[in-house]
PDB file of all heavy atoms in Angstrom:
ATOM      1  N   HIS A   1      -4.589   0.744  -1.944  1.00  0.00           N
ATOM      2  CA  HIS A   1      -4.148   0.594  -0.435  1.00  0.00           C
ATOM      3  C   HIS A   1      -2.729   1.020  -0.245  1.00  0.00           C
ATOM      4  O   HIS A   1      -2.325   1.364   0.904  1.00  0.00           O
ATOM      5  CB  HIS A   1      -4.395  -0.901  -0.111  1.00  0.00           C
ATOM      6  CG  HIS A   1      -5.800  -1.280   0.001  1.00  0.00           C
ATOM      7  ND1 HIS A   1      -6.649  -0.903   0.953  1.00  0.00           N
ATOM      8  CD2 HIS A   1      -6.543  -2.100  -0.893  1.00  0.00           C
ATOM      9  CE1 HIS A   1      -7.887  -1.470   0.704  1.00  0.00           C
ATOM     10  NE2 HIS A   1      -7.740  -2.130  -0.342  1.00  0.00           N
ATOM     11  N   PHE A   2      -1.881   0.953  -1.291  1.00  0.00           N
ATOM     12  CA  PHE A   2      -0.489   1.291  -1.114  1.00  0.00           C
ATOM     13  C   PHE A   2      -0.133   2.739  -1.265  1.00  0.00           C
ATOM     14  O   PHE A   2       1.067   3.116  -1.193  1.00  0.00           O
ATOM     15  CB  PHE A   2       0.309   0.451  -2.153  1.00  0.00           C
ATOM     16  CG  PHE A   2       0.224  -1.021  -1.890  1.00  0.00           C
ATOM     17  CD1 PHE A   2      -0.713  -1.763  -2.556  1.00  0.00           C
ATOM     18  CD2 PHE A   2       1.137  -1.674  -1.076  1.00  0.00           C
ATOM     19  CE1 PHE A   2      -0.855  -3.139  -2.353  1.00  0.00           C
ATOM     20  CE2 PHE A   2       1.085  -3.026  -0.864  1.00  0.00           C
ATOM     21  CZ  PHE A   2       0.072  -3.730  -1.497  1.00  0.00           C
ATOM     22  N   MET A   3      -1.143   3.552  -1.540  1.00  0.00           N
ATOM     23  CA  MET A   3      -0.937   4.989  -1.726  1.00  0.00           C
ATOM     24  C   MET A   3      -0.955   5.716  -0.306  1.00  0.00           C
ATOM     25  O   MET A   3      -1.799   5.489   0.418  1.00  0.00           O
ATOM     26  CB  MET A   3      -1.957   5.577  -2.655  1.00  0.00           C
ATOM     27  CG  MET A   3      -1.930   5.112  -4.030  1.00  0.00           C
ATOM     28  SD  MET A   3      -3.164   5.821  -5.031  1.00  0.00           S
ATOM     29  CE  MET A   3      -2.886   4.983  -6.556  1.00  0.00           C
ATOM     30  N   VAL A   4       0.054   6.615  -0.197  1.00  0.00           N
ATOM     31  CA  VAL A   4       0.150   7.395   1.013  1.00  0.00           C
ATOM     32  C   VAL A   4      -0.648   8.626   0.847  1.00  0.00           C
ATOM     33  O   VAL A   4      -0.642   9.213  -0.230  1.00  0.00           O
ATOM     34  CB  VAL A   4       1.628   7.744   1.368  1.00  0.00           C
ATOM     35  CG1 VAL A   4       1.757   8.532   2.601  1.00  0.00           C
ATOM     36  CG2 VAL A   4       2.442   6.420   1.567  1.00  0.00           C
ATOM     37  N   PRO A   5      -1.442   9.067   1.829  1.00  0.00           N
ATOM     38  CA  PRO A   5      -2.180  10.395   1.698  1.00  0.00           C
ATOM     39  C   PRO A   5      -1.215  11.547   1.353  1.00  0.00           C
ATOM     40  O   PRO A   5      -0.270  11.756   2.086  1.00  0.00           O
ATOM     41  CB  PRO A   5      -2.851  10.521   3.009  1.00  0.00           C
ATOM     42  CG  PRO A   5      -2.906   9.152   3.554  1.00  0.00           C
ATOM     43  CD  PRO A   5      -1.747   8.443   3.091  1.00  0.00           C
ATOM     44  N   PRO A   6      -1.489  12.344   0.328  1.00  0.00           N
ATOM     45  CA  PRO A   6      -0.629  13.373  -0.097  1.00  0.00           C
ATOM     46  C   PRO A   6      -0.645  14.579   0.833  1.00  0.00           C
ATOM     47  O   PRO A   6       0.280  15.430   0.843  1.00  0.00           O
ATOM     48  CB  PRO A   6      -1.048  13.749  -1.463  1.00  0.00           C
ATOM     49  CG  PRO A   6      -2.467  13.413  -1.533  1.00  0.00           C
ATOM     50  CD  PRO A   6      -2.619  12.263  -0.655  1.00  0.00           C
ATOM     51  N   GLU A   7      -1.758  14.774   1.602  1.00  0.00           N
ATOM     52  CA  GLU A   7      -1.925  16.035   2.398  1.00  0.00           C
ATOM     53  C   GLU A   7      -1.046  16.004   3.604  1.00  0.00           C
ATOM     54  O   GLU A   7      -0.754  17.100   4.234  1.00  0.00           O
ATOM     55  CB  GLU A   7      -3.372  16.242   2.775  1.00  0.00           C
ATOM     56  CG  GLU A   7      -4.259  16.424   1.544  1.00  0.00           C
ATOM     57  CD  GLU A   7      -5.697  16.688   1.949  1.00  0.00           C
ATOM     58  OE1 GLU A   7      -6.040  16.547   3.148  1.00  0.00           O
ATOM     59  OE2 GLU A   7      -6.512  16.896   1.074  1.00  0.00           O
ATOM     60  N   GLU A   8      -0.734  14.869   4.250  1.00  0.00           N
ATOM     61  CA  GLU A   8       0.113  14.776   5.369  1.00  0.00           C
ATOM     62  C   GLU A   8       1.662  15.069   5.013  1.00  0.00           C
ATOM     63  O   GLU A   8       2.116  14.463   4.085  1.00  0.00           O
ATOM     64  CB  GLU A   8      -0.033  13.381   6.048  1.00  0.00           C
ATOM     65  CG  GLU A   8      -1.434  13.142   6.526  1.00  0.00           C
ATOM     66  CD  GLU A   8      -1.601  11.783   7.179  1.00  0.00           C
ATOM     67  OE1 GLU A   8      -0.500  11.159   7.322  1.00  0.00           O
ATOM     68  OE2 GLU A   8      -2.698  11.442   7.695  1.00  0.00           O
ATOM     69  N   ASN A   9       2.271  15.897   5.810  1.00  0.00           N
ATOM     70  CA  ASN A   9       3.667  16.199   5.537  1.00  0.00           C
ATOM     71  C   ASN A   9       4.582  15.235   6.175  1.00  0.00           C
ATOM     72  O   ASN A   9       4.872  15.300   7.369  1.00  0.00           O
ATOM     73  CB  ASN A   9       3.953  17.669   6.083  1.00  0.00           C
ATOM     74  CG  ASN A   9       3.092  18.680   5.315  1.00  0.00           C
ATOM     75  OD1 ASN A   9       3.007  18.615   4.158  1.00  0.00           O
ATOM     76  ND2 ASN A   9       2.605  19.614   6.070  1.00  0.00           N
ATOM     77  N   LEU A  10       4.973  14.139   5.467  1.00  0.00           N
ATOM     78  CA  LEU A  10       5.888  13.166   5.890  1.00  0.00           C
ATOM     79  C   LEU A  10       7.253  13.467   5.396  1.00  0.00           C
ATOM     80  O   LEU A  10       7.420  13.777   4.200  1.00  0.00           O
ATOM     81  CB  LEU A  10       5.339  11.776   5.495  1.00  0.00           C
ATOM     82  CG  LEU A  10       3.941  11.349   6.080  1.00  0.00           C
ATOM     83  CD1 LEU A  10       3.466  10.092   5.439  1.00  0.00           C
ATOM     84  CD2 LEU A  10       4.015  11.203   7.530  1.00  0.00           C
ATOM     85  N   GLN A  11       8.148  13.131   6.205  1.00  0.00           N
ATOM     86  CA  GLN A  11       9.608  13.387   5.812  1.00  0.00           C
ATOM     87  C   GLN A  11      10.124  12.270   4.791  1.00  0.00           C
ATOM     88  O   GLN A  11      10.766  12.624   3.767  1.00  0.00           O
ATOM     89  CB  GLN A  11      10.476  13.513   7.019  1.00  0.00           C
ATOM     90  CG  GLN A  11      11.900  13.989   6.686  1.00  0.00           C
ATOM     91  CD  GLN A  11      12.722  14.241   7.925  1.00  0.00           C
ATOM     92  OE1 GLN A  11      12.235  13.934   8.991  1.00  0.00           O
ATOM     93  NE2 GLN A  11      13.933  14.802   7.786  1.00  0.00           N
ATOM     94  N   TYR A  12       9.824  11.028   5.195  1.00  0.00           N
ATOM     95  CA  TYR A  12      10.176   9.940   4.357  1.00  0.00           C
ATOM     96  C   TYR A  12       8.953   9.081   4.050  1.00  0.00           C
ATOM     97  O   TYR A  12       8.660   8.156   4.727  1.00  0.00           O
ATOM     98  CB  TYR A  12      11.224   9.105   5.027  1.00  0.00           C
ATOM     99  CG  TYR A  12      12.503   9.889   5.368  1.00  0.00           C
ATOM    100  CD1 TYR A  12      12.734  10.312   6.676  1.00  0.00           C
ATOM    101  CD2 TYR A  12      13.411  10.115   4.427  1.00  0.00           C
ATOM    102  CE1 TYR A  12      13.905  10.962   6.956  1.00  0.00           C
ATOM    103  CE2 TYR A  12      14.589  10.849   4.694  1.00  0.00           C
ATOM    104  CZ  TYR A  12      14.836  11.319   5.981  1.00  0.00           C
ATOM    105  OH  TYR A  12      15.933  11.963   6.316  1.00  0.00           O
ATOM    106  N   PRO A  13       8.158   9.497   2.976  1.00  0.00           N
ATOM    107  CA  PRO A  13       6.949   8.743   2.703  1.00  0.00           C
ATOM    108  C   PRO A  13       7.130   7.364   2.191  1.00  0.00           C
ATOM    109  O   PRO A  13       6.240   6.483   2.294  1.00  0.00           O
ATOM    110  CB  PRO A  13       6.205   9.613   1.647  1.00  0.00           C
ATOM    111  CG  PRO A  13       7.343  10.437   1.001  1.00  0.00           C
ATOM    112  CD  PRO A  13       8.371  10.686   2.115  1.00  0.00           C
ATOM    113  N   GLU A  14       8.302   7.053   1.572  1.00  0.00           N
ATOM    114  CA  GLU A  14       8.561   5.748   1.068  1.00  0.00           C
ATOM    115  C   GLU A  14       8.608   4.693   2.237  1.00  0.00           C
ATOM    116  O   GLU A  14       8.345   3.513   1.993  1.00  0.00           O
ATOM    117  CB  GLU A  14       9.728   5.643   0.275  1.00  0.00           C
ATOM    118  CG  GLU A  14      11.161   6.065   1.014  1.00  0.00           C
ATOM    119  CD  GLU A  14      11.312   7.596   0.938  1.00  0.00           C
ATOM    120  OE1 GLU A  14      10.401   8.232   0.479  1.00  0.00           O
ATOM    121  OE2 GLU A  14      12.402   7.950   1.367  1.00  0.00           O
ATOM    122  N   TYR A  15       8.973   5.150   3.497  1.00  0.00           N
ATOM    123  CA  TYR A  15       8.980   4.174   4.612  1.00  0.00           C
ATOM    124  C   TYR A  15       7.646   3.763   5.041  1.00  0.00           C
ATOM    125  O   TYR A  15       7.384   2.813   5.792  1.00  0.00           O
ATOM    126  CB  TYR A  15       9.792   4.771   5.790  1.00  0.00           C
ATOM    127  CG  TYR A  15      11.212   5.008   5.492  1.00  0.00           C
ATOM    128  CD1 TYR A  15      11.894   6.084   6.051  1.00  0.00           C
ATOM    129  CD2 TYR A  15      11.975   4.156   4.666  1.00  0.00           C
ATOM    130  CE1 TYR A  15      13.264   6.282   5.769  1.00  0.00           C
ATOM    131  CE2 TYR A  15      13.335   4.327   4.428  1.00  0.00           C
ATOM    132  CZ  TYR A  15      13.962   5.409   5.010  1.00  0.00           C
ATOM    133  OH  TYR A  15      15.256   5.709   4.674  1.00  0.00           O
ATOM    134  N   HIS A  16       6.563   4.602   4.686  1.00  0.00           N
ATOM    135  CA  HIS A  16       5.281   4.383   5.245  1.00  0.00           C
ATOM    136  C   HIS A  16       4.383   3.670   4.212  1.00  0.00           C
ATOM    137  O   HIS A  16       3.203   3.456   4.472  1.00  0.00           O
ATOM    138  CB  HIS A  16       4.583   5.698   5.486  1.00  0.00           C
ATOM    139  CG  HIS A  16       5.207   6.500   6.557  1.00  0.00           C
ATOM    140  ND1 HIS A  16       4.960   6.329   7.880  1.00  0.00           N
ATOM    141  CD2 HIS A  16       6.246   7.396   6.527  1.00  0.00           C
ATOM    142  CE1 HIS A  16       5.719   7.175   8.631  1.00  0.00           C
ATOM    143  NE2 HIS A  16       6.461   7.864   7.840  1.00  0.00           N
ATOM    144  N   GLU A  17       4.931   3.327   3.066  1.00  0.00           N
ATOM    145  CA  GLU A  17       4.043   2.659   1.984  1.00  0.00           C
ATOM    146  C   GLU A  17       3.562   1.325   2.417  1.00  0.00           C
ATOM    147  O   GLU A  17       2.467   0.941   2.270  1.00  0.00           O
ATOM    148  CB  GLU A  17       4.897   2.612   0.659  1.00  0.00           C
ATOM    149  CG  GLU A  17       5.115   3.908  -0.005  1.00  0.00           C
ATOM    150  CD  GLU A  17       5.915   3.728  -1.294  1.00  0.00           C
ATOM    151  OE1 GLU A  17       6.261   2.595  -1.602  1.00  0.00           O
ATOM    152  OE2 GLU A  17       5.993   4.758  -2.040  1.00  0.00           O
ATOM    153  N   GLY A  18       4.532   0.364   3.021  1.00  0.00           N
ATOM    154  CA  GLY A  18       4.066  -0.894   3.408  1.00  0.00           C
ATOM    155  C   GLY A  18       3.115  -0.837   4.640  1.00  0.00           C
ATOM    156  O   GLY A  18       2.047  -1.523   4.552  1.00  0.00           O
ATOM    157  N   ALA A  19       3.372   0.059   5.601  1.00  0.00           N
ATOM    158  CA  ALA A  19       2.329   0.107   6.712  1.00  0.00           C
ATOM    159  C   ALA A  19       1.038   0.747   6.346  1.00  0.00           C
ATOM    160  O   ALA A  19       0.050   0.388   6.838  1.00  0.00           O
ATOM    161  CB  ALA A  19       2.996   0.948   7.820  1.00  0.00           C
ATOM    162  N   SER A  20       1.086   1.660   5.388  1.00  0.00           N
ATOM    163  CA  SER A  20      -0.132   2.302   4.970  1.00  0.00           C
ATOM    164  C   SER A  20      -1.091   1.309   4.169  1.00  0.00           C
ATOM    165  O   SER A  20      -2.352   1.355   4.457  1.00  0.00           O
ATOM    166  CB  SER A  20       0.185   3.420   3.924  1.00  0.00           C
ATOM    167  OG  SER A  20       0.711   2.908   2.686  1.00  0.00           O
ATOM    168  N   ALA A  21      -0.546   0.222   3.492  1.00  0.00           N
ATOM    169  CA  ALA A  21      -1.336  -0.703   2.868  1.00  0.00           C
ATOM    170  C   ALA A  21      -2.056  -1.594   3.954  1.00  0.00           C
ATOM    171  O   ALA A  21      -3.267  -1.921   3.858  1.00  0.00           O
ATOM    172  CB  ALA A  21      -0.518  -1.595   1.972  1.00  0.00           C
ATOM    173  N   ILE A  22      -1.257  -2.015   4.962  1.00  0.00           N
ATOM    174  CA  ILE A  22      -1.825  -2.856   6.052  1.00  0.00           C
ATOM    175  C   ILE A  22      -2.857  -2.029   6.798  1.00  0.00           C
ATOM    176  O   ILE A  22      -3.915  -2.568   7.084  1.00  0.00           O
ATOM    177  CB  ILE A  22      -0.662  -3.376   6.858  1.00  0.00           C
ATOM    178  CG1 ILE A  22       0.194  -4.317   6.118  1.00  0.00           C
ATOM    179  CG2 ILE A  22      -1.256  -4.099   8.155  1.00  0.00           C
ATOM    180  CD1 ILE A  22       1.552  -4.657   6.808  1.00  0.00           C
ATOM    181  N   MET A  23      -2.604  -0.870   7.137  1.00  0.00           N
ATOM    182  CA  MET A  23      -3.533   0.015   7.842  1.00  0.00           C
ATOM    183  C   MET A  23      -4.854   0.271   7.037  1.00  0.00           C
ATOM    184  O   MET A  23      -5.923   0.280   7.606  1.00  0.00           O
ATOM    185  CB  MET A  23      -2.913   1.326   8.279  1.00  0.00           C
ATOM    186  CG  MET A  23      -1.773   1.159   9.352  1.00  0.00           C
ATOM    187  SD  MET A  23      -2.353   0.425  10.836  1.00  0.00           S
ATOM    188  CE  MET A  23      -3.558   1.682  11.415  1.00  0.00           C
ATOM    189  N   SER A  24      -4.714   0.484   5.793  1.00  0.00           N
ATOM    190  CA  SER A  24      -5.886   0.715   4.884  1.00  0.00           C
ATOM    191  C   SER A  24      -6.752  -0.529   4.909  1.00  0.00           C
ATOM    192  O   SER A  24      -8.009  -0.437   5.055  1.00  0.00           O
ATOM    193  CB  SER A  24      -5.499   1.112   3.561  1.00  0.00           C
ATOM    194  OG  SER A  24      -6.546   1.240   2.693  1.00  0.00           O
ATOM    195  N   ILE A  25      -6.109  -1.712   4.680  1.00  0.00           N
ATOM    196  CA  ILE A  25      -6.838  -2.968   4.738  1.00  0.00           C
ATOM    197  C   ILE A  25      -7.499  -3.133   6.191  1.00  0.00           C
ATOM    198  O   ILE A  25      -8.655  -3.561   6.158  1.00  0.00           O
ATOM    199  CB  ILE A  25      -5.943  -4.221   4.409  1.00  0.00           C
ATOM    200  CG1 ILE A  25      -5.370  -4.068   2.949  1.00  0.00           C
ATOM    201  CG2 ILE A  25      -6.672  -5.440   4.546  1.00  0.00           C
ATOM    202  CD1 ILE A  25      -4.305  -4.941   2.589  1.00  0.00           C
ATOM    203  N   TYR A  26      -6.734  -2.913   7.097  1.00  0.00           N
ATOM    204  CA  TYR A  26      -7.321  -3.040   8.478  1.00  0.00           C
ATOM    205  C   TYR A  26      -8.525  -2.183   8.724  1.00  0.00           C
ATOM    206  O   TYR A  26      -9.523  -2.608   9.269  1.00  0.00           O
ATOM    207  CB  TYR A  26      -6.268  -2.823   9.527  1.00  0.00           C
ATOM    208  CG  TYR A  26      -6.690  -2.770  10.951  1.00  0.00           C
ATOM    209  CD1 TYR A  26      -7.075  -3.916  11.589  1.00  0.00           C
ATOM    210  CD2 TYR A  26      -6.719  -1.512  11.684  1.00  0.00           C
ATOM    211  CE1 TYR A  26      -7.573  -3.912  12.888  1.00  0.00           C
ATOM    212  CE2 TYR A  26      -7.187  -1.557  12.935  1.00  0.00           C
ATOM    213  CZ  TYR A  26      -7.616  -2.690  13.621  1.00  0.00           C
ATOM    214  OH  TYR A  26      -8.042  -2.692  14.841  1.00  0.00           O
ATOM    215  N   MET A  27      -8.440  -0.865   8.384  1.00  0.00           N
ATOM    216  CA  MET A  27      -9.568  -0.011   8.549  1.00  0.00           C
ATOM    217  C   MET A  27     -10.796  -0.451   7.710  1.00  0.00           C
ATOM    218  O   MET A  27     -11.962  -0.422   8.122  1.00  0.00           O
ATOM    219  CB  MET A  27      -9.192   1.372   8.174  1.00  0.00           C
ATOM    220  CG  MET A  27      -8.012   2.022   9.079  1.00  0.00           C
ATOM    221  SD  MET A  27      -8.494   2.091  10.838  1.00  0.00           S
ATOM    222  CE  MET A  27      -9.784   3.324  10.716  1.00  0.00           C
ATOM    223  N   CYS A  28     -10.546  -0.823   6.459  1.00  0.00           N
ATOM    224  CA  CYS A  28     -11.643  -1.236   5.697  1.00  0.00           C
ATOM    225  C   CYS A  28     -12.335  -2.502   6.153  1.00  0.00           C
ATOM    226  O   CYS A  28     -13.498  -2.645   6.154  1.00  0.00           O
ATOM    227  CB  CYS A  28     -11.149  -1.500   4.244  1.00  0.00           C
ATOM    228  SG  CYS A  28     -10.737   0.028   3.375  1.00  0.00           S
ATOM    229  N   MET A  29     -11.448  -3.416   6.718  1.00  0.00           N
ATOM    230  CA  MET A  29     -12.067  -4.734   7.214  1.00  0.00           C
ATOM    231  C   MET A  29     -12.723  -4.470   8.526  1.00  0.00           C
ATOM    232  O   MET A  29     -13.781  -5.158   8.815  1.00  0.00           O
ATOM    233  CB  MET A  29     -10.910  -5.764   7.378  1.00  0.00           C
ATOM    234  CG  MET A  29     -10.378  -6.224   6.114  1.00  0.00           C
ATOM    235  SD  MET A  29     -11.477  -7.073   4.975  1.00  0.00           S
ATOM    236  CE  MET A  29     -11.770  -8.625   5.846  1.00  0.00           C
ATOM    237  N   ARG A  30     -12.260  -3.558   9.345  1.00  0.00           N
ATOM    238  CA  ARG A  30     -12.979  -3.208  10.565  1.00  0.00           C
ATOM    239  C   ARG A  30     -14.362  -2.601  10.274  1.00  0.00           C
ATOM    240  O   ARG A  30     -15.347  -2.833  11.124  1.00  0.00           O
ATOM    241  CB  ARG A  30     -12.158  -2.141  11.351  1.00  0.00           C
ATOM    242  CG  ARG A  30     -10.897  -2.670  12.012  1.00  0.00           C
ATOM    243  CD  ARG A  30     -11.240  -3.476  13.316  1.00  0.00           C
ATOM    244  NE  ARG A  30     -11.727  -2.673  14.303  1.00  0.00           N
ATOM    245  CZ  ARG A  30     -12.084  -3.107  15.539  1.00  0.00           C
ATOM    246  NH1 ARG A  30     -12.003  -4.399  15.750  1.00  0.00           N
ATOM    247  NH2 ARG A  30     -12.620  -2.320  16.421  1.00  0.00           N
ATOM    248  N   GLN A  31     -14.499  -2.043   9.211  1.00  0.00           N
ATOM    249  CA  GLN A  31     -15.930  -1.427   8.792  1.00  0.00           C
ATOM    250  C   GLN A  31     -16.817  -2.535   8.210  1.00  0.00           C
ATOM    251  O   GLN A  31     -17.995  -2.448   8.306  1.00  0.00           O
ATOM    252  CB  GLN A  31     -15.754  -0.224   7.877  1.00  0.00           C
ATOM    253  CG  GLN A  31     -15.053   0.960   8.501  1.00  0.00           C
ATOM    254  CD  GLN A  31     -14.844   2.018   7.425  1.00  0.00           C
ATOM    255  OE1 GLN A  31     -15.205   1.900   6.383  1.00  0.00           O
ATOM    256  NE2 GLN A  31     -14.222   3.109   7.930  1.00  0.00           N
ATOM    257  N   PHE A  32     -16.123  -3.449   7.521  1.00  0.00           N
ATOM    258  CA  PHE A  32     -16.898  -4.470   6.746  1.00  0.00           C
ATOM    259  C   PHE A  32     -17.285  -5.677   7.550  1.00  0.00           C
ATOM    260  O   PHE A  32     -18.405  -6.190   7.365  1.00  0.00           O
ATOM    261  CB  PHE A  32     -16.080  -4.887   5.462  1.00  0.00           C
ATOM    262  CG  PHE A  32     -16.622  -6.165   4.848  1.00  0.00           C
ATOM    263  CD1 PHE A  32     -17.911  -6.200   4.327  1.00  0.00           C
ATOM    264  CD2 PHE A  32     -15.798  -7.264   4.879  1.00  0.00           C
ATOM    265  CE1 PHE A  32     -18.362  -7.344   3.631  1.00  0.00           C
ATOM    266  CE2 PHE A  32     -16.296  -8.440   4.262  1.00  0.00           C
ATOM    267  CZ  PHE A  32     -17.537  -8.501   3.726  1.00  0.00           C
ATOM    268  N   LEU A  33     -16.413  -6.143   8.404  1.00  0.00           N
ATOM    269  CA  LEU A  33     -16.664  -7.398   9.052  1.00  0.00           C
ATOM    270  C   LEU A  33     -17.813  -7.454  10.060  1.00  0.00           C
ATOM    271  O   LEU A  33     -18.404  -8.475  10.238  1.00  0.00           O
ATOM    272  CB  LEU A  33     -15.291  -7.856   9.853  1.00  0.00           C
ATOM    273  CG  LEU A  33     -14.232  -8.487   8.873  1.00  0.00           C
ATOM    274  CD1 LEU A  33     -13.053  -8.683   9.747  1.00  0.00           C
ATOM    275  CD2 LEU A  33     -14.698  -9.685   8.118  1.00  0.00           C
ATOM    276  N   PRO A  34     -18.171  -6.301  10.675  1.00  0.00           N
ATOM    277  CA  PRO A  34     -19.463  -6.399  11.496  1.00  0.00           C
ATOM    278  C   PRO A  34     -20.674  -6.717  10.746  1.00  0.00           C
ATOM    279  O   PRO A  34     -21.622  -7.297  11.303  1.00  0.00           O
ATOM    280  CB  PRO A  34     -19.556  -4.987  12.032  1.00  0.00           C
ATOM    281  CG  PRO A  34     -18.158  -4.421  12.151  1.00  0.00           C
ATOM    282  CD  PRO A  34     -17.446  -5.062  10.999  1.00  0.00           C
ATOM    283  N   VAL A  35     -20.653  -6.535   9.427  1.00  0.00           N
ATOM    284  CA  VAL A  35     -21.784  -6.937   8.585  1.00  0.00           C
ATOM    285  C   VAL A  35     -21.838  -8.523   8.523  1.00  0.00           C
ATOM    286  O   VAL A  35     -22.839  -9.013   8.439  1.00  0.00           O
ATOM    287  CB  VAL A  35     -21.668  -6.289   7.185  1.00  0.00           C
ATOM    288  CG1 VAL A  35     -22.780  -6.722   6.307  1.00  0.00           C
ATOM    289  CG2 VAL A  35     -21.717  -4.814   7.254  1.00  0.00           C
ATOM    290  N   CYS A  36     -20.599  -9.096   8.554  1.00  0.00           N
ATOM    291  CA  CYS A  36     -20.462 -10.552   8.557  1.00  0.00           C
ATOM    292  C   CYS A  36     -20.620 -11.117   9.977  1.00  0.00           C
ATOM    293  O   CYS A  36     -20.241 -12.351  10.096  1.00  0.00           O
ATOM    294  CB  CYS A  36     -19.179 -10.986   7.899  1.00  0.00           C
ATOM    295  SG  CYS A  36     -18.983 -10.361   6.172  1.00  0.00           S
ATOM    296  N   LEU A  37     -20.905 -10.377  10.941  1.00  0.00           N
ATOM    297  CA  LEU A  37     -21.042 -10.859  12.342  1.00  0.00           C
ATOM    298  C   LEU A  37     -19.778 -11.241  12.915  1.00  0.00           C
ATOM    299  O   LEU A  37     -19.647 -12.099  13.825  1.00  0.00           O
ATOM    300  CB  LEU A  37     -22.027 -11.932  12.433  1.00  0.00           C
ATOM    301  CG  LEU A  37     -23.453 -11.842  11.861  1.00  0.00           C
ATOM    302  CD1 LEU A  37     -24.307 -13.012  11.936  1.00  0.00           C
ATOM    303  CD2 LEU A  37     -24.145 -10.637  12.591  1.00  0.00           C
ATOM    304  N   VAL A  38     -18.650 -10.470  12.551  1.00  0.00           N
ATOM    305  CA  VAL A  38     -17.386 -10.664  13.243  1.00  0.00           C
ATOM    306  C   VAL A  38     -16.952  -9.290  13.860  1.00  0.00           C
ATOM    307  O   VAL A  38     -16.768  -8.333  12.992  1.00  0.00           O
ATOM    308  CB  VAL A  38     -16.310 -11.116  12.201  1.00  0.00           C
ATOM    309  CG1 VAL A  38     -14.890 -11.129  12.815  1.00  0.00           C
ATOM    310  CG2 VAL A  38     -16.670 -12.486  11.583  1.00  0.00           C
ATOM    311  N   TYR A  39     -16.870  -9.216  15.126  1.00  0.00           N
ATOM    312  CA  TYR A  39     -16.664  -7.861  15.735  1.00  0.00           C
ATOM    313  C   TYR A  39     -15.324  -7.674  16.423  1.00  0.00           C
ATOM    314  O   TYR A  39     -14.998  -6.605  16.921  1.00  0.00           O
ATOM    315  CB  TYR A  39     -17.733  -7.732  16.840  1.00  0.00           C
ATOM    316  CG  TYR A  39     -19.227  -7.772  16.305  1.00  0.00           C
ATOM    317  CD1 TYR A  39     -19.888  -9.047  16.460  1.00  0.00           C
ATOM    318  CD2 TYR A  39     -19.790  -6.725  15.699  1.00  0.00           C
ATOM    319  CE1 TYR A  39     -21.292  -9.070  15.915  1.00  0.00           C
ATOM    320  CE2 TYR A  39     -21.116  -6.826  15.155  1.00  0.00           C
ATOM    321  CZ  TYR A  39     -21.756  -7.986  15.314  1.00  0.00           C
ATOM    322  OH  TYR A  39     -23.017  -8.086  14.744  1.00  0.00           O
ATOM    323  N   ASP A  40     -14.450  -8.770  16.420  1.00  0.00           N
ATOM    324  CA  ASP A  40     -13.159  -8.661  17.077  1.00  0.00           C
ATOM    325  C   ASP A  40     -12.028  -8.819  16.150  1.00  0.00           C
ATOM    326  O   ASP A  40     -11.079  -9.549  16.395  1.00  0.00           O
ATOM    327  CB  ASP A  40     -13.150  -9.699  18.274  1.00  0.00           C
ATOM    328  CG  ASP A  40     -13.380 -11.102  17.760  1.00  0.00           C
ATOM    329  OD1 ASP A  40     -13.810 -11.206  16.588  1.00  0.00           O
ATOM    330  OD2 ASP A  40     -13.259 -12.025  18.509  1.00  0.00           O
ATOM    331  N   PHE A  41     -12.057  -8.179  15.064  1.00  0.00           N
ATOM    332  CA  PHE A  41     -11.011  -8.201  14.110  1.00  0.00           C
ATOM    333  C   PHE A  41      -9.903  -7.323  14.553  1.00  0.00           C
ATOM    334  O   PHE A  41     -10.133  -6.188  14.959  1.00  0.00           O
ATOM    335  CB  PHE A  41     -11.486  -7.772  12.692  1.00  0.00           C
ATOM    336  CG  PHE A  41     -10.433  -7.959  11.668  1.00  0.00           C
ATOM    337  CD1 PHE A  41     -10.247  -9.262  11.096  1.00  0.00           C
ATOM    338  CD2 PHE A  41      -9.658  -6.877  11.121  1.00  0.00           C
ATOM    339  CE1 PHE A  41      -9.191  -9.331  10.029  1.00  0.00           C
ATOM    340  CE2 PHE A  41      -8.837  -7.013  10.161  1.00  0.00           C
ATOM    341  CZ  PHE A  41      -8.589  -8.275   9.611  1.00  0.00           C
ATOM    342  N   SER A  42      -8.631  -7.897  14.568  1.00  0.00           N
ATOM    343  CA  SER A  42      -7.432  -7.093  15.066  1.00  0.00           C
ATOM    344  C   SER A  42      -6.437  -7.061  13.982  1.00  0.00           C
ATOM    345  O   SER A  42      -6.444  -7.674  13.031  1.00  0.00           O
ATOM    346  CB  SER A  42      -6.907  -7.775  16.345  1.00  0.00           C
ATOM    347  OG  SER A  42      -6.446  -9.052  16.062  1.00  0.00           O
TER     348      SER A  42
END
């Protein structure tokens, strides 16, 4: 989750490491939680 995608040309990738982990968890949970009948995960 903490890995930044290498294909995107970012100027300072080290600044995006913390946000990338949270966004990765958020995207995965958005896909998984509807299976658990939770549809309003934010």
